[in-house]
Amino acid sequence: KTRRGRGKARNEVLLSKQKRSRRMKANDRERNRMHHLNSALDALRSVLPTFPDDAKLTKIETLRFAHNYIWALTQSLRLA
């Protein structure tokens, strides 16, 4: 019985290490995903028209502005 108890403790330690390892890998994936998303948003901001004193647009502001800008360009092509 004593031996089983030690084995169980070892298994719990291994499971804890596995969970920690999985969590660290998931955190790395999420960090990379956010890095790529932020890079894409920066690229989008760089092609949108801006005004000299404007602060950096937030993520949602960037997406809304891009949507409205594309809509306006589409409308101008329809009227041309």
PDB file of N, CA and C in Angstrom:
ATOM      1  N   LYS A   1       0.817  -1.198   0.000  1.00  0.00           N
ATOM      2  CA  LYS A   1       0.000   0.000   0.000  1.00  0.00           C
ATOM      3  C   LYS A   1       0.859   1.259   0.000  1.00  0.00           C
ATOM      4  N   THR A   2       1.939   1.233   0.725  1.00  0.00           N
ATOM      5  CA  THR A   2       2.811   2.399   0.784  1.00  0.00           C
ATOM      6  C   THR A   2       3.380   2.698  -0.593  1.00  0.00           C
ATOM      7  N   ARG A   3       3.728   1.643  -1.293  1.00  0.00           N
ATOM      8  CA  ARG A   3       4.308   1.827  -2.615  1.00  0.00           C
ATOM      9  C   ARG A   3       3.306   2.460  -3.580  1.00  0.00           C
ATOM     10  N   ARG A   4       2.062   2.035  -3.524  1.00  0.00           N
ATOM     11  CA  ARG A   4       1.041   2.629  -4.387  1.00  0.00           C
ATOM     12  C   ARG A   4       0.897   4.122  -4.115  1.00  0.00           C
ATOM     13  N   GLY A   5       0.953   4.472  -2.863  1.00  0.00           N
ATOM     14  CA  GLY A   5       0.834   5.875  -2.484  1.00  0.00           C
ATOM     15  C   GLY A   5       1.931   6.722  -3.108  1.00  0.00           C
ATOM     16  N   ARG A   6       3.155   6.208  -3.108  1.00  0.00           N
ATOM     17  CA  ARG A   6       4.264   6.949  -3.713  1.00  0.00           C
ATOM     18  C   ARG A   6       4.092   7.056  -5.221  1.00  0.00           C
ATOM     19  N   GLY A   7       3.649   5.977  -5.822  1.00  0.00           N
ATOM     20  CA  GLY A   7       3.432   5.998  -7.268  1.00  0.00           C
ATOM     21  C   GLY A   7       2.364   6.998  -7.652  1.00  0.00           C
ATOM     22  N   LYS A   8       1.344   7.063  -6.832  1.00  0.00           N
ATOM     23  CA  LYS A   8       0.267   8.012  -7.098  1.00  0.00           C
ATOM     24  C   LYS A   8       0.785   9.445  -6.992  1.00  0.00           C
ATOM     25  N   ALA A   9       1.614   9.691  -5.996  1.00  0.00           N
ATOM     26  CA  ALA A   9       2.186  11.029  -5.825  1.00  0.00           C
ATOM     27  C   ALA A   9       3.056  11.381  -7.026  1.00  0.00           C
ATOM     28  N   ARG A  10       3.827  10.416  -7.503  1.00  0.00           N
ATOM     29  CA  ARG A  10       4.662  10.663  -8.685  1.00  0.00           C
ATOM     30  C   ARG A  10       3.797  10.966  -9.898  1.00  0.00           C
ATOM     31  N   ASN A  11       2.716  10.193 -10.056  1.00  0.00           N
ATOM     32  CA  ASN A  11       1.813  10.439 -11.183  1.00  0.00           C
ATOM     33  C   ASN A  11       1.201  11.829 -11.098  1.00  0.00           C
ATOM     34  N   GLU A  12       0.841  12.253  -9.887  1.00  0.00           N
ATOM     35  CA  GLU A  12       0.267  13.583  -9.720  1.00  0.00           C
ATOM     36  C   GLU A  12       1.282  14.662 -10.067  1.00  0.00           C
ATOM     37  N   VAL A  13       2.543  14.436  -9.708  1.00  0.00           N
ATOM     38  CA  VAL A  13       3.605  15.386 -10.042  1.00  0.00           C
ATOM     39  C   VAL A  13       3.784  15.436 -11.557  1.00  0.00           C
ATOM     40  N   LEU A  14       3.787  14.267 -12.196  1.00  0.00           N
ATOM     41  CA  LEU A  14       3.921  14.224 -13.653  1.00  0.00           C
ATOM     42  C   LEU A  14       2.747  14.912 -14.329  1.00  0.00           C
ATOM     43  N   LEU A  15       1.534  14.656 -13.834  1.00  0.00           N
ATOM     44  CA  LEU A  15       0.361  15.311 -14.404  1.00  0.00           C
ATOM     45  C   LEU A  15       0.446  16.816 -14.232  1.00  0.00           C
ATOM     46  N   SER A  16       0.908  17.253 -13.078  1.00  0.00           N
ATOM     47  CA  SER A  16       1.055  18.679 -12.823  1.00  0.00           C
ATOM     48  C   SER A  16       2.060  19.294 -13.794  1.00  0.00           C
ATOM     49  N   LYS A  17       3.165  18.599 -14.028  1.00  0.00           N
ATOM     50  CA  LYS A  17       4.173  19.090 -14.971  1.00  0.00           C
ATOM     51  C   LYS A  17       3.614  19.116 -16.392  1.00  0.00           C
ATOM     52  N   GLN A  18       2.846  18.093 -16.756  1.00  0.00           N
ATOM     53  CA  GLN A  18       2.244  18.054 -18.086  1.00  0.00           C
ATOM     54  C   GLN A  18       1.255  19.199 -18.270  1.00  0.00           C
ATOM     55  N   LYS A  19       0.441  19.443 -17.244  1.00  0.00           N
ATOM     56  CA  LYS A  19      -0.528  20.538 -17.322  1.00  0.00           C
ATOM     57  C   LYS A  19       0.187  21.878 -17.466  1.00  0.00           C
ATOM     58  N   ARG A  20       1.246  22.053 -16.693  1.00  0.00           N
ATOM     59  CA  ARG A  20       2.016  23.293 -16.764  1.00  0.00           C
ATOM     60  C   ARG A  20       2.636  23.455 -18.147  1.00  0.00           C
ATOM     61  N   SER A  21       3.171  22.355 -18.686  1.00  0.00           N
ATOM     62  CA  SER A  21       3.775  22.385 -20.015  1.00  0.00           C
ATOM     63  C   SER A  21       2.731  22.722 -21.080  1.00  0.00           C
ATOM     64  N   ARG A  22       1.559  22.090 -20.984  1.00  0.00           N
ATOM     65  CA  ARG A  22       0.475  22.382 -21.936  1.00  0.00           C
ATOM     66  C   ARG A  22       0.049  23.840 -21.843  1.00  0.00           C
ATOM     67  N   ARG A  23      -0.057  24.340 -20.619  1.00  0.00           N
ATOM     68  CA  ARG A  23      -0.475  25.726 -20.400  1.00  0.00           C
ATOM     69  C   ARG A  23       0.544  26.686 -20.996  1.00  0.00           C
ATOM     70  N   MET A  24       1.842  26.392 -20.808  1.00  0.00           N
ATOM     71  CA  MET A  24       2.897  27.249 -21.358  1.00  0.00           C
ATOM     72  C   MET A  24       2.857  27.243 -22.883  1.00  0.00           C
ATOM     73  N   LYS A  25       2.617  26.077 -23.476  1.00  0.00           N
ATOM     74  CA  LYS A  25       2.520  25.995 -24.935  1.00  0.00           C
ATOM     75  C   LYS A  25       1.303  26.763 -25.435  1.00  0.00           C
ATOM     76  N   ALA A  26       0.188  26.637 -24.728  1.00  0.00           N
ATOM     77  CA  ALA A  26      -1.026  27.370 -25.109  1.00  0.00           C
ATOM     78  C   ALA A  26      -0.793  28.872 -24.987  1.00  0.00           C
ATOM     79  N   ASN A  27      -0.103  29.287 -23.941  1.00  0.00           N
ATOM     80  CA  ASN A  27       0.213  30.706 -23.769  1.00  0.00           C
ATOM     81  C   ASN A  27       1.095  31.210 -24.909  1.00  0.00           C
ATOM     82  N   ASP A  28       2.067  30.402 -25.314  1.00  0.00           N
ATOM     83  CA  ASP A  28       2.937  30.775 -26.435  1.00  0.00           C
ATOM     84  C   ASP A  28       2.139  30.910 -27.728  1.00  0.00           C
ATOM     85  N   ARG A  29       1.232  29.962 -27.961  1.00  0.00           N
ATOM     86  CA  ARG A  29       0.404  30.039 -29.172  1.00  0.00           C
ATOM     87  C   ARG A  29      -0.448  31.303 -29.163  1.00  0.00           C
ATOM     88  N   GLU A  30      -1.040  31.600 -28.017  1.00  0.00           N
ATOM     89  CA  GLU A  30      -1.879  32.799 -27.904  1.00  0.00           C
ATOM     90  C   GLU A  30      -1.048  34.071 -28.085  1.00  0.00           C
ATOM     91  N   ARG A  31       0.143  34.089 -27.519  1.00  0.00           N
ATOM     92  CA  ARG A  31       1.030  35.241 -27.671  1.00  0.00           C
ATOM     93  C   ARG A  31       1.375  35.443 -29.145  1.00  0.00           C
ATOM     94  N   ASN A  32       1.688  34.360 -29.849  1.00  0.00           N
ATOM     95  CA  ASN A  32       2.004  34.443 -31.279  1.00  0.00           C
ATOM     96  C   ASN A  32       0.787  34.876 -32.086  1.00  0.00           C
ATOM     97  N   ARG A  33      -0.379  34.360 -31.736  1.00  0.00           N
ATOM     98  CA  ARG A  33      -1.606  34.746 -32.433  1.00  0.00           C
ATOM     99  C   ARG A  33      -1.851  36.247 -32.288  1.00  0.00           C
ATOM    100  N   MET A  34      -1.704  36.747 -31.071  1.00  0.00           N
ATOM    101  CA  MET A  34      -1.920  38.176 -30.831  1.00  0.00           C
ATOM    102  C   MET A  34      -0.858  39.020 -31.531  1.00  0.00           C
ATOM    103  N   HIS A  35       0.374  38.526 -31.576  1.00  0.00           N
ATOM    104  CA  HIS A  35       1.437  39.248 -32.279  1.00  0.00           C
ATOM    105  C   HIS A  35       1.096  39.367 -33.764  1.00  0.00           C
ATOM    106  N   HIS A  36       0.638  38.274 -34.362  1.00  0.00           N
ATOM    107  CA  HIS A  36       0.273  38.295 -35.782  1.00  0.00           C
ATOM    108  C   HIS A  36      -0.932  39.201 -36.019  1.00  0.00           C
ATOM    109  N   LEU A  37      -1.906  39.140 -35.134  1.00  0.00           N
ATOM    110  CA  LEU A  37      -3.083  40.001 -35.258  1.00  0.00           C
ATOM    111  C   LEU A  37      -2.686  41.471 -35.166  1.00  0.00           C
ATOM    112  N   ASN A  38      -1.844  41.808 -34.196  1.00  0.00           N
ATOM    113  CA  ASN A  38      -1.403  43.195 -34.047  1.00  0.00           C
ATOM    114  C   ASN A  38      -0.586  43.657 -35.248  1.00  0.00           C
ATOM    115  N   SER A  39       0.226  42.778 -35.802  1.00  0.00           N
ATOM    116  CA  SER A  39       0.996  43.122 -37.004  1.00  0.00           C
ATOM    117  C   SER A  39       0.069  43.388 -38.181  1.00  0.00           C
ATOM    118  N   ALA A  40      -0.960  42.562 -38.320  1.00  0.00           N
ATOM    119  CA  ALA A  40      -1.925  42.753 -39.405  1.00  0.00           C
ATOM    120  C   ALA A  40      -2.684  44.068 -39.227  1.00  0.00           C
ATOM    121  N   LEU A  41      -3.058  44.387 -38.001  1.00  0.00           N
ATOM    122  CA  LEU A  41      -3.753  45.653 -37.749  1.00  0.00           C
ATOM    123  C   LEU A  41      -2.841  46.847 -38.023  1.00  0.00           C
ATOM    124  N   ASP A  42      -1.570  46.737 -37.686  1.00  0.00           N
ATOM    125  CA  ASP A  42      -0.617  47.807 -37.996  1.00  0.00           C
ATOM    126  C   ASP A  42      -0.492  47.997 -39.504  1.00  0.00           C
ATOM    127  N   ALA A  43      -0.460  46.888 -40.245  1.00  0.00           N
ATOM    128  CA  ALA A  43      -0.388  46.976 -41.705  1.00  0.00           C
ATOM    129  C   ALA A  43      -1.648  47.636 -42.259  1.00  0.00           C
ATOM    130  N   LEU A  44      -2.793  47.295 -41.707  1.00  0.00           N
ATOM    131  CA  LEU A  44      -4.052  47.910 -42.136  1.00  0.00           C
ATOM    132  C   LEU A  44      -4.046  49.403 -41.829  1.00  0.00           C
ATOM    133  N   ARG A  45      -3.603  49.782 -40.630  1.00  0.00           N
ATOM    134  CA  ARG A  45      -3.533  51.203 -40.260  1.00  0.00           C
ATOM    135  C   ARG A  45      -2.646  51.975 -41.226  1.00  0.00           C
ATOM    136  N   SER A  46      -1.591  51.334 -41.700  1.00  0.00           N
ATOM    137  CA  SER A  46      -0.630  52.029 -42.567  1.00  0.00           C
ATOM    138  C   SER A  46      -1.210  52.383 -43.931  1.00  0.00           C
ATOM    139  N   VAL A  47      -2.270  51.702 -44.363  1.00  0.00           N
ATOM    140  CA  VAL A  47      -2.853  52.011 -45.673  1.00  0.00           C
ATOM    141  C   VAL A  47      -4.133  52.827 -45.571  1.00  0.00           C
ATOM    142  N   LEU A  48      -4.589  53.094 -44.360  1.00  0.00           N
ATOM    143  CA  LEU A  48      -5.779  53.921 -44.189  1.00  0.00           C
ATOM    144  C   LEU A  48      -5.372  55.386 -44.158  1.00  0.00           C
ATOM    145  N   PRO A  49      -6.216  56.260 -44.720  1.00  0.00           N
ATOM    146  CA  PRO A  49      -5.895  57.693 -44.659  1.00  0.00           C
ATOM    147  C   PRO A  49      -5.946  58.175 -43.206  1.00  0.00           C
ATOM    148  N   THR A  50      -4.997  59.033 -42.858  1.00  0.00           N
ATOM    149  CA  THR A  50      -4.952  59.557 -41.490  1.00  0.00           C
ATOM    150  C   THR A  50      -4.803  61.067 -41.515  1.00  0.00           C
ATOM    151  N   PHE A  51      -4.992  61.663 -40.377  1.00  0.00           N
ATOM    152  CA  PHE A  51      -4.810  63.093 -40.218  1.00  0.00           C
ATOM    153  C   PHE A  51      -3.587  63.306 -39.334  1.00  0.00           C
ATOM    154  N   PRO A  52      -2.873  64.419 -39.511  1.00  0.00           N
ATOM    155  CA  PRO A  52      -1.578  64.607 -38.843  1.00  0.00           C
ATOM    156  C   PRO A  52      -1.577  64.401 -37.325  1.00  0.00           C
ATOM    157  N   ASP A  53      -2.560  64.938 -36.612  1.00  0.00           N
ATOM    158  CA  ASP A  53      -2.515  64.885 -35.149  1.00  0.00           C
ATOM    159  C   ASP A  53      -3.286  63.709 -34.563  1.00  0.00           C
ATOM    160  N   ASP A  54      -3.709  62.780 -35.394  1.00  0.00           N
ATOM    161  CA  ASP A  54      -4.491  61.650 -34.890  1.00  0.00           C
ATOM    162  C   ASP A  54      -3.635  60.711 -34.050  1.00  0.00           C
ATOM    163  N   ALA A  55      -4.227  60.254 -32.962  1.00  0.00           N
ATOM    164  CA  ALA A  55      -3.570  59.223 -32.156  1.00  0.00           C
ATOM    165  C   ALA A  55      -3.789  57.878 -32.852  1.00  0.00           C
ATOM    166  N   LYS A  56      -3.032  56.888 -32.456  1.00  0.00           N
ATOM    167  CA  LYS A  56      -3.176  55.550 -33.028  1.00  0.00           C
ATOM    168  C   LYS A  56      -4.587  55.033 -32.753  1.00  0.00           C
ATOM    169  N   LEU A  57      -5.222  54.522 -33.800  1.00  0.00           N
ATOM    170  CA  LEU A  57      -6.570  53.981 -33.649  1.00  0.00           C
ATOM    171  C   LEU A  57      -6.533  52.678 -32.851  1.00  0.00           C
ATOM    172  N   THR A  58      -7.583  52.437 -32.078  1.00  0.00           N
ATOM    173  CA  THR A  58      -7.693  51.161 -31.377  1.00  0.00           C
ATOM    174  C   THR A  58      -7.996  50.072 -32.402  1.00  0.00           C
ATOM    175  N   LYS A  59      -8.003  48.841 -31.964  1.00  0.00           N
ATOM    176  CA  LYS A  59      -8.289  47.728 -32.871  1.00  0.00           C
ATOM    177  C   LYS A  59      -9.675  47.865 -33.477  1.00  0.00           C
ATOM    178  N   ILE A  60     -10.672  48.099 -32.639  1.00  0.00           N
ATOM    179  CA  ILE A  60     -12.043  48.194 -33.149  1.00  0.00           C
ATOM    180  C   ILE A  60     -12.210  49.437 -34.013  1.00  0.00           C
ATOM    181  N   GLU A  61     -11.570  50.538 -33.638  1.00  0.00           N
ATOM    182  CA  GLU A  61     -11.642  51.752 -34.454  1.00  0.00           C
ATOM    183  C   GLU A  61     -11.013  51.517 -35.822  1.00  0.00           C
ATOM    184  N   THR A  62      -9.907  50.791 -35.851  1.00  0.00           N
ATOM    185  CA  THR A  62      -9.238  50.477 -37.116  1.00  0.00           C
ATOM    186  C   THR A  62     -10.154  49.661 -38.018  1.00  0.00           C
ATOM    187  N   LEU A  63     -10.782  48.632 -37.465  1.00  0.00           N
ATOM    188  CA  LEU A  63     -11.671  47.783 -38.264  1.00  0.00           C
ATOM    189  C   LEU A  63     -12.892  48.561 -38.755  1.00  0.00           C
ATOM    190  N   ARG A  64     -13.475  49.369 -37.894  1.00  0.00           N
ATOM    191  CA  ARG A  64     -14.637  50.167 -38.303  1.00  0.00           C
ATOM    192  C   ARG A  64     -14.260  51.193 -39.359  1.00  0.00           C
ATOM    193  N   PHE A  65     -13.123  51.850 -39.161  1.00  0.00           N
ATOM    194  CA  PHE A  65     -12.676  52.846 -40.127  1.00  0.00           C
ATOM    195  C   PHE A  65     -12.405  52.193 -41.480  1.00  0.00           C
ATOM    196  N   ALA A  66     -11.748  51.034 -41.470  1.00  0.00           N
ATOM    197  CA  ALA A  66     -11.463  50.317 -42.718  1.00  0.00           C
ATOM    198  C   ALA A  66     -12.761  49.923 -43.411  1.00  0.00           C
ATOM    199  N   HIS A  67     -13.720  49.432 -42.651  1.00  0.00           N
ATOM    200  CA  HIS A  67     -15.020  49.062 -43.215  1.00  0.00           C
ATOM    201  C   HIS A  67     -15.681  50.271 -43.874  1.00  0.00           C
ATOM    202  N   ASN A  68     -15.728  51.379 -43.166  1.00  0.00           N
ATOM    203  CA  ASN A  68     -16.353  52.591 -43.703  1.00  0.00           C
ATOM    204  C   ASN A  68     -15.589  53.136 -44.903  1.00  0.00           C
ATOM    205  N   TYR A  69     -14.271  53.064 -44.859  1.00  0.00           N
ATOM    206  CA  TYR A  69     -13.448  53.551 -45.960  1.00  0.00           C
ATOM    207  C   TYR A  69     -13.677  52.712 -47.219  1.00  0.00           C
ATOM    208  N   ILE A  70     -13.722  51.404 -47.065  1.00  0.00           N
ATOM    209  CA  ILE A  70     -13.993  50.520 -48.208  1.00  0.00           C
ATOM    210  C   ILE A  70     -15.386  50.796 -48.760  1.00  0.00           C
ATOM    211  N   TRP A  71     -16.358  50.998 -47.871  1.00  0.00           N
ATOM    212  CA  TRP A  71     -17.721  51.312 -48.315  1.00  0.00           C
ATOM    213  C   TRP A  71     -17.723  52.620 -49.107  1.00  0.00           C
ATOM    214  N   ALA A  72     -17.022  53.640 -48.606  1.00  0.00           N
ATOM    215  CA  ALA A  72     -16.974  54.939 -49.289  1.00  0.00           C
ATOM    216  C   ALA A  72     -16.300  54.809 -50.653  1.00  0.00           C
ATOM    217  N   LEU A  73     -15.228  54.047 -50.731  1.00  0.00           N
ATOM    218  CA  LEU A  73     -14.555  53.841 -52.019  1.00  0.00           C
ATOM    219  C   LEU A  73     -15.471  53.116 -53.000  1.00  0.00           C
ATOM    220  N   THR A  74     -16.199  52.134 -52.508  1.00  0.00           N
ATOM    221  CA  THR A  74     -17.146  51.398 -53.349  1.00  0.00           C
ATOM    222  C   THR A  74     -18.223  52.331 -53.884  1.00  0.00           C
ATOM    223  N   GLN A  75     -18.736  53.188 -53.019  1.00  0.00           N
ATOM    224  CA  GLN A  75     -19.766  54.142 -53.435  1.00  0.00           C
ATOM    225  C   GLN A  75     -19.227  55.115 -54.479  1.00  0.00           C
ATOM    226  N   SER A  76     -18.008  55.572 -54.297  1.00  0.00           N
ATOM    227  CA  SER A  76     -17.438  56.516 -55.262  1.00  0.00           C
ATOM    228  C   SER A  76     -17.224  55.848 -56.618  1.00  0.00           C
ATOM    229  N   LEU A  77     -16.907  54.556 -56.635  1.00  0.00           N
ATOM    230  CA  LEU A  77     -16.763  53.840 -57.905  1.00  0.00           C
ATOM    231  C   LEU A  77     -18.116  53.661 -58.588  1.00  0.00           C
ATOM    232  N   ARG A  78     -19.141  53.427 -57.805  1.00  0.00           N
ATOM    233  CA  ARG A  78     -20.480  53.267 -58.375  1.00  0.00           C
ATOM    234  C   ARG A  78     -20.978  54.556 -59.008  1.00  0.00           C
ATOM    235  N   LEU A  79     -20.620  55.679 -58.416  1.00  0.00           N
ATOM    236  CA  LEU A  79     -21.082  56.972 -58.909  1.00  0.00           C
ATOM    237  C   LEU A  79     -20.240  57.484 -60.069  1.00  0.00           C
ATOM    238  N   ALA A  80     -19.070  56.906 -60.260  1.00  0.00           N
ATOM    239  CA  ALA A  80     -18.160  57.387 -61.307  1.00  0.00           C
ATOM    240  C   ALA A  80     -18.593  56.955 -62.686  1.00  0.00           C
TER     241      ALA A  80
END
